[in-house]
Amino acid sequence: MQGYDKFASQEQIVEAADAPSPVVRKWVTGELMPEPRRVGGGHAQGTRNLWPPWAVERARWIREQLAQGLRWTTSPSWCGTASASLRADPRS
């Protein structure tokens, strides 16, 4: 697959995040991670997620922040923004 070497794979992102794909998807939905580029690999291969190379480091950084006790908070979409941020856990 020519040209895909410019992207990070889903496997690289999941490994850096130390989290399964559904968790990474929530990070994308919450705007902590960029939206991956989806490409078809043919009927037998399904689709692949291709991420910008810097997303690997971003996934690693999010994992580290969560490990330090920061919590993922979101703003409800009815407020006009559907964004997420990492904040200190007030319970710690």
Protein backbone atom coordinates (compact mmCIF):
# COMPACT_ATOMS: atom_id res chain seq x y z
CA MET A 1 0.00 0.00 0.00
CA GLN A 2 1.93 2.86 -1.36
CA GLY A 3 1.93 6.20 0.47
CA TYR A 4 0.58 4.84 3.76
CA ASP A 5 4.02 5.02 5.38
CA LYS A 6 3.30 8.72 6.02
CA PHE A 7 0.60 7.72 8.51
CA ALA A 8 0.44 5.95 11.86
CA SER A 9 -1.65 2.79 12.00
CA GLN A 10 -4.53 2.02 14.34
CA GLU A 11 -2.31 -0.59 16.00
CA GLN A 12 0.37 2.03 16.74
CA ILE A 13 -2.23 4.36 18.27
CA VAL A 14 -3.80 1.62 20.42
CA GLU A 15 -0.36 0.55 21.63
CA ALA A 16 0.68 4.12 22.50
CA ALA A 17 -2.65 4.76 24.24
CA ASP A 18 -2.48 1.44 26.10
CA ALA A 19 -6.23 1.39 25.52
CA PRO A 20 -8.56 -0.52 23.19
CA SER A 21 -9.94 1.00 20.01
CA PRO A 22 -13.35 1.92 21.54
CA VAL A 23 -11.59 4.09 24.14
CA VAL A 24 -9.49 5.80 21.48
CA ARG A 25 -12.72 6.40 19.53
CA LYS A 26 -14.16 8.21 22.57
CA TRP A 27 -11.05 10.39 22.63
CA VAL A 28 -11.71 11.27 18.98
CA THR A 29 -15.37 12.02 19.68
CA GLY A 30 -14.32 14.22 22.60
CA GLU A 31 -11.77 16.00 20.42
CA LEU A 32 -8.76 14.85 22.42
CA MET A 33 -7.48 13.03 19.33
CA PRO A 34 -7.76 13.93 15.64
CA GLU A 35 -10.21 12.16 13.36
CA PRO A 36 -8.33 9.40 11.51
CA ARG A 37 -8.48 9.09 7.77
CA ARG A 38 -10.45 5.99 6.82
CA VAL A 39 -9.44 4.13 3.69
CA GLY A 40 -10.86 1.01 2.10
CA GLY A 41 -8.67 -2.01 1.68
CA GLY A 42 -11.03 -3.95 -0.51
CA HIS A 43 -13.90 -6.27 0.36
CA ALA A 44 -11.81 -8.86 2.20
CA GLN A 45 -9.66 -6.35 4.07
CA GLY A 46 -12.32 -3.87 5.20
CA THR A 47 -11.24 -0.35 6.12
CA ARG A 48 -8.17 1.00 7.87
CA ASN A 49 -7.69 4.03 10.07
CA LEU A 50 -4.71 6.14 9.13
CA TRP A 51 -3.56 8.71 11.68
CA PRO A 52 -1.20 11.67 11.37
CA PRO A 53 2.23 10.61 12.69
CA TRP A 54 2.03 13.03 15.65
CA ALA A 55 -1.12 11.25 16.92
CA VAL A 56 1.05 8.45 18.37
CA GLU A 57 2.72 10.91 20.75
CA ARG A 58 -0.64 12.52 21.50
CA ALA A 59 -2.14 9.13 22.50
CA ARG A 60 0.87 8.47 24.72
CA TRP A 61 0.50 11.91 26.34
CA ILE A 62 -3.22 11.36 27.05
CA ARG A 63 -2.41 7.99 28.63
CA GLU A 64 0.24 9.60 30.84
CA GLN A 65 -2.12 12.39 31.92
CA LEU A 66 -4.82 9.90 32.88
CA ALA A 67 -2.26 7.81 34.77
CA GLN A 68 -1.32 10.91 36.79
CA GLY A 69 -4.90 11.23 37.96
CA LEU A 70 -6.28 13.76 35.53
CA ARG A 71 -9.87 13.18 34.49
CA TRP A 72 -11.41 13.53 31.09
CA THR A 73 -14.25 16.05 31.18
CA THR A 74 -16.52 17.11 28.37
CA SER A 75 -18.66 20.11 27.58
CA PRO A 76 -22.14 19.08 26.46
CA SER A 77 -22.89 19.77 22.82
CA TRP A 78 -25.96 21.84 23.73
CA CYS A 79 -23.58 24.45 25.19
CA GLY A 80 -22.37 25.13 21.68
CA THR A 81 -19.14 23.20 22.07
CA ALA A 82 -18.53 19.49 22.09
CA SER A 83 -15.01 19.56 23.39
CA ALA A 84 -13.11 17.62 26.00
CA SER A 85 -10.25 18.45 28.30
CA LEU A 86 -8.11 16.79 30.90
CA ARG A 87 -8.42 18.24 34.40
CA ALA A 88 -7.16 17.40 37.85
CA ASP A 89 -9.44 15.02 39.70
CA PRO A 90 -10.88 16.95 42.68
CA ARG A 91 -11.28 13.65 44.55
CA SER A 92 -7.50 13.10 44.68
